[in-house]
Amino acid sequence: MKTTILYQNKTIQIDLSKPLDISISLTNDAQNPIAWYQGVPEITPVKMGDWIGKVSEGKSSTNFNNIFFNPHAHGTHTECLGHITNDFYSVNQALKQFFFTAEVISVYPEVFGEDLIITKEQVEVLLETKRPEALIIRTLPNKEYKKHLNYSNTNPPFLSEEAAIFIREIKVLHLLIDLPSVDKEHDEGKLLAHKAFWNVKDVYQVNETARFNATITEMIYVDNAILDGSYLLNLQIVSFENDASPSKPVLYKMM
């Protein structure tokens, strides 16, 4: 279903019947991706006495589950600067618009000692002169096992501080990446890329130059069938008043 929309005074044509979902679904088994030393998510029926909220158990007319998970550790999630600040800021208040021009780039992180780092130079070369509202970074090699990895204590690739500064300076508002964090797993709490992207210099006293409406989305998966290039991004979150929320970023190829 091809649709023509008006976005920022420009006419864009997309096909709404061909969404490209780059989120990872949440499951309660070892197939679920895990980070930050957590166990698997829990999805279990409510139990009250001898009543079980599960139709197949024969004691309920409905399936009625409790779900226990951590947004940062258990799959695709979107976070605001409240993730790193002393004061509370909610991603549900930070993200009030849900469609953005987006660019997908694919990067082989460079080897620096024991680390794999996405550099400013790589991002700058791949973007050329494009200045999208959202930047989607796919790391290479891009294997489907990313959707099921336990990242804890594996020192995954991460974004250099210089790259994060560059992304901020070209006014990217929404950064999406297929890693558990834009920062190094064990970095002594420095969080250089997070702070650089949100322009947070002091987590205890956030000033007015901080980017309150910018978000970072981590643990996406960009299928190899999705080519590098320009898209329209629909970024949806759950209405949690929290620093982060599970999210469902969906791309539409612009024609």
Protein backbone atom coordinates (compact mmCIF):
# COMPACT_ATOMS: atom_id res chain seq x y z
CA MET A 1 0.00 0.00 0.00
CA LYS A 2 1.98 2.97 -1.29
CA THR A 3 1.29 6.14 0.63
CA THR A 4 2.43 9.69 0.06
CA ILE A 5 2.99 11.70 3.22
CA LEU A 6 4.01 15.27 3.92
CA TYR A 7 6.91 15.37 6.37
CA GLN A 8 8.66 18.62 7.27
CA ASN A 9 7.22 20.27 4.15
CA LYS A 10 8.60 17.51 1.94
CA THR A 11 6.62 14.86 0.08
CA ILE A 12 7.74 11.31 0.91
CA GLN A 13 6.39 8.11 -0.59
CA ILE A 14 6.51 4.90 1.45
CA ASP A 15 4.84 1.49 1.30
CA LEU A 16 3.02 0.87 4.57
CA SER A 17 2.54 -2.79 3.65
CA LYS A 18 6.31 -3.38 3.82
CA PRO A 19 7.45 -2.52 7.36
CA LEU A 20 11.02 -3.46 8.30
CA ASP A 21 10.99 -4.32 12.00
CA ILE A 22 14.45 -3.93 13.56
CA SER A 23 13.43 -4.82 17.12
CA ILE A 24 14.15 -8.08 18.92
CA SER A 25 11.20 -9.82 20.53
CA LEU A 26 11.27 -10.70 24.22
CA THR A 27 10.97 -14.37 25.22
CA ASN A 28 11.31 -16.24 28.49
CA ASP A 29 13.99 -18.69 27.39
CA ALA A 30 17.67 -18.85 26.48
CA GLN A 31 16.89 -17.54 22.98
CA ASN A 32 16.37 -14.09 24.47
CA PRO A 33 19.40 -11.77 24.27
CA ILE A 34 20.86 -10.88 27.66
CA ALA A 35 23.22 -8.20 28.91
CA TRP A 36 24.47 -6.76 32.17
CA TYR A 37 24.68 -10.04 34.06
CA GLN A 38 20.95 -10.65 34.28
CA GLY A 39 19.05 -13.92 33.94
CA VAL A 40 16.36 -14.63 31.35
CA PRO A 41 13.09 -12.69 31.46
CA GLU A 42 10.18 -14.32 33.26
CA ILE A 43 6.75 -14.72 31.68
CA THR A 44 4.58 -16.78 34.00
CA PRO A 45 0.84 -17.20 34.64
CA VAL A 46 -0.62 -15.62 37.74
CA LYS A 47 -1.32 -18.10 40.52
CA MET A 48 -3.83 -17.43 43.30
CA GLY A 49 -4.49 -20.45 45.46
CA ASP A 50 -5.34 -23.32 43.12
CA TRP A 51 -6.27 -20.92 40.30
CA ILE A 52 -3.77 -20.56 37.44
CA GLY A 53 -4.12 -17.87 34.77
CA LYS A 54 -3.54 -20.22 31.86
CA VAL A 55 -6.26 -21.62 29.63
CA SER A 56 -4.34 -24.83 28.87
CA GLU A 57 -4.26 -25.65 32.59
CA GLY A 58 -8.06 -25.88 32.56
CA LYS A 59 -8.59 -23.45 35.43
CA SER A 60 -8.91 -20.13 33.62
CA SER A 61 -10.94 -18.67 30.77
CA THR A 62 -8.02 -16.36 29.94
CA ASN A 63 -4.25 -16.33 29.75
CA PHE A 64 -3.13 -13.93 32.46
CA ASN A 65 0.65 -13.55 32.72
CA ASN A 66 3.06 -11.59 34.85
CA ILE A 67 6.20 -10.42 33.05
CA PHE A 68 9.49 -9.61 34.79
CA PHE A 69 12.28 -8.12 32.72
CA ASN A 70 14.86 -5.35 32.57
CA PRO A 71 14.58 -2.95 29.60
CA HIS A 72 18.35 -2.41 29.41
CA ALA A 73 19.27 -6.09 29.67
CA HIS A 74 16.59 -8.02 27.82
CA GLY A 75 16.20 -6.70 24.29
CA THR A 76 15.50 -3.67 22.15
CA HIS A 77 15.03 -0.59 24.30
CA THR A 78 15.05 3.18 23.98
CA GLU A 79 16.52 5.39 26.68
CA CYS A 80 16.73 9.11 27.42
CA LEU A 81 19.37 11.06 29.31
CA GLY A 82 17.65 10.03 32.55
CA HIS A 83 19.59 6.80 32.17
CA ILE A 84 22.74 8.52 33.44
CA THR A 85 21.53 11.52 35.50
CA ASN A 86 21.02 11.99 39.21
CA ASP A 87 17.63 13.61 38.65
CA PHE A 88 14.78 11.60 37.14
CA TYR A 89 13.89 12.06 33.48
CA SER A 90 11.42 9.84 31.67
CA VAL A 91 11.79 8.54 28.15
CA ASN A 92 8.01 8.79 27.85
CA GLN A 93 8.30 12.55 28.27
CA ALA A 94 11.41 12.87 26.10
CA LEU A 95 9.98 11.12 23.04
CA LYS A 96 6.89 12.92 21.81
CA GLN A 97 7.35 12.51 18.05
CA PHE A 98 7.56 9.06 16.47
CA PHE A 99 8.52 9.44 12.79
CA PHE A 100 12.00 10.51 11.67
CA THR A 101 14.21 10.51 8.61
CA ALA A 102 16.83 7.84 9.17
CA GLU A 103 20.02 6.52 7.65
CA VAL A 104 21.27 2.93 7.99
CA ILE A 105 25.03 2.44 7.91
CA SER A 106 27.07 -0.76 8.33
CA VAL A 107 30.41 -0.66 10.14
CA TYR A 108 33.25 -3.07 10.84
CA PRO A 109 34.47 -1.86 14.26
CA GLU A 110 38.20 -1.24 14.31
CA VAL A 111 40.59 -3.18 16.54
CA PHE A 112 42.29 -1.16 19.28
CA GLY A 113 44.12 -3.52 21.62
CA GLU A 114 41.47 -5.76 23.16
CA ASP A 115 38.63 -3.48 22.05
CA LEU A 116 36.50 -3.14 18.93
CA ILE A 117 35.58 0.50 18.42
CA ILE A 118 33.32 2.38 16.00
CA THR A 119 35.27 5.53 15.17
CA LYS A 120 34.30 9.04 14.16
CA GLU A 121 36.11 8.62 10.86
CA GLN A 122 34.07 5.54 9.97
CA VAL A 123 30.75 7.22 10.73
CA GLU A 124 31.76 10.40 8.91
CA VAL A 125 32.83 8.56 5.76
CA LEU A 126 29.72 6.38 5.63
CA LEU A 127 27.29 9.26 6.15
CA GLU A 128 29.02 11.47 3.59
CA THR A 129 26.96 14.68 3.56
CA LYS A 130 23.73 13.12 4.86
CA ARG A 131 22.32 14.60 8.05
CA PRO A 132 19.38 12.41 9.16
CA GLU A 133 17.32 12.86 12.29
CA ALA A 134 18.01 9.22 13.24
CA LEU A 135 21.14 7.17 12.68
CA ILE A 136 21.01 3.36 12.65
CA ILE A 137 24.34 1.58 13.08
CA ARG A 138 24.64 -2.07 12.05
CA THR A 139 27.91 -3.69 13.12
CA LEU A 140 29.64 -6.22 10.92
CA PRO A 141 29.80 -9.14 10.65
CA ASN A 142 26.02 -9.23 11.02
CA LYS A 143 24.99 -12.72 12.12
CA GLU A 144 21.52 -13.73 13.27
CA TYR A 145 22.96 -15.04 16.54
CA LYS A 146 23.03 -11.41 17.69
CA LYS A 147 19.35 -11.92 18.52
CA HIS A 148 20.23 -14.60 21.06
CA LEU A 149 23.60 -13.58 22.53
CA ASN A 150 24.48 -13.33 26.20
CA TYR A 151 26.68 -10.22 26.06
CA SER A 152 27.70 -10.26 29.72
CA ASN A 153 31.47 -10.16 30.22
CA THR A 154 32.20 -10.33 26.46
CA ASN A 155 33.48 -6.75 25.91
CA PRO A 156 31.26 -6.04 22.88
CA PRO A 157 32.16 -3.33 20.35
CA PHE A 158 31.29 0.24 21.33
CA LEU A 159 31.21 3.81 20.04
CA SER A 160 34.13 6.15 20.57
CA GLU A 161 33.54 9.42 22.39
CA GLU A 162 34.65 11.31 19.27
CA ALA A 163 32.09 9.46 17.17
CA ALA A 164 29.34 10.31 19.64
CA ILE A 165 30.36 13.98 19.61
CA PHE A 166 30.29 14.01 15.81
CA ILE A 167 26.85 12.39 15.75
CA ARG A 168 25.60 15.02 18.20
CA GLU A 169 27.17 17.89 16.26
CA ILE A 170 25.46 16.89 13.01
CA LYS A 171 22.20 17.04 14.98
CA VAL A 172 21.22 13.36 14.96
CA LEU A 173 18.45 13.19 17.58
CA HIS A 174 17.99 9.43 17.73
CA LEU A 175 20.85 6.96 17.71
CA LEU A 176 20.09 3.25 17.21
CA ILE A 177 22.69 0.49 17.46
CA ASP A 178 22.75 -3.32 17.46
CA LEU A 179 24.85 -3.56 20.64
CA PRO A 180 23.91 -3.66 24.34
CA SER A 181 25.49 -0.25 24.87
CA VAL A 182 27.11 2.60 22.98
CA ASP A 183 29.80 2.48 25.67
CA LYS A 184 32.46 -0.04 26.68
CA GLU A 185 31.11 -2.76 28.97
CA HIS A 186 33.68 -2.17 31.73
CA ASP A 187 34.56 1.53 31.56
CA GLU A 188 34.72 2.48 35.27
CA GLY A 189 31.41 4.31 34.94
CA LYS A 190 32.76 6.92 32.53
CA LEU A 191 29.95 6.48 29.96
CA LEU A 192 31.79 8.75 27.54
CA ALA A 193 29.60 8.08 24.49
CA HIS A 194 26.33 8.43 26.40
CA LYS A 195 27.45 11.73 27.92
CA ALA A 196 28.80 13.04 24.63
CA PHE A 197 25.64 12.22 22.68
CA TRP A 198 23.32 13.78 25.28
CA ASN A 199 25.76 16.62 25.97
CA VAL A 200 25.70 15.87 29.68
CA LYS A 201 28.83 17.17 31.38
CA ASP A 202 27.65 16.83 34.99
CA VAL A 203 25.19 14.05 35.83
CA TYR A 204 24.32 15.79 39.13
CA GLN A 205 23.51 19.17 37.60
CA VAL A 206 22.22 18.85 34.04
CA ASN A 207 22.27 22.21 32.31
CA GLU A 208 20.03 23.60 29.59
CA THR A 209 22.40 22.59 26.80
CA ALA A 210 21.73 18.91 27.48
CA ARG A 211 19.70 17.12 24.79
CA PHE A 212 16.50 16.26 26.67
CA ASN A 213 14.65 15.15 23.54
CA ALA A 214 17.41 12.89 22.17
CA THR A 215 17.29 9.12 22.59
CA ILE A 216 19.54 6.10 22.29
CA THR A 217 18.10 2.75 21.20
CA GLU A 218 20.21 -0.34 21.85
CA MET A 219 20.03 -4.06 21.04
CA ILE A 220 18.30 -3.74 17.69
CA TYR A 221 18.83 -6.22 14.87
CA VAL A 222 19.05 -4.98 11.28
CA ASP A 223 18.56 -7.92 8.94
CA ASN A 224 21.03 -8.25 6.06
CA ALA A 225 18.12 -7.87 3.64
CA ILE A 226 17.83 -4.24 4.80
CA LEU A 227 20.30 -2.29 2.70
CA ASP A 228 22.27 0.72 3.84
CA GLY A 229 20.49 3.90 2.85
CA SER A 230 17.66 6.28 3.66
CA TYR A 231 14.44 5.29 5.44
CA LEU A 232 11.56 6.68 7.41
CA LEU A 233 11.77 5.47 11.02
CA ASN A 234 8.77 4.86 13.24
CA LEU A 235 10.10 4.65 16.81
CA GLN A 236 7.53 3.38 19.29
CA ILE A 237 7.92 2.86 23.03
CA VAL A 238 5.74 1.62 25.86
CA SER A 239 4.29 4.44 27.96
CA PHE A 240 6.55 3.76 30.95
CA GLU A 241 7.57 6.68 33.14
CA ASN A 242 11.11 5.37 33.35
CA ASP A 243 14.53 6.26 31.97
CA ALA A 244 14.10 3.50 29.37
CA SER A 245 11.35 1.51 27.72
CA PRO A 246 11.14 -1.57 25.52
CA SER A 247 10.76 -0.27 22.00
CA LYS A 248 9.80 -1.26 18.48
CA PRO A 249 11.68 0.67 15.80
CA VAL A 250 10.26 0.04 12.34
CA LEU A 251 11.74 1.26 9.06
CA TYR A 252 9.99 2.14 5.80
CA LYS A 253 12.00 2.46 2.61
CA MET A 254 11.53 5.86 1.00
CA MET A 255 10.77 5.76 -2.70
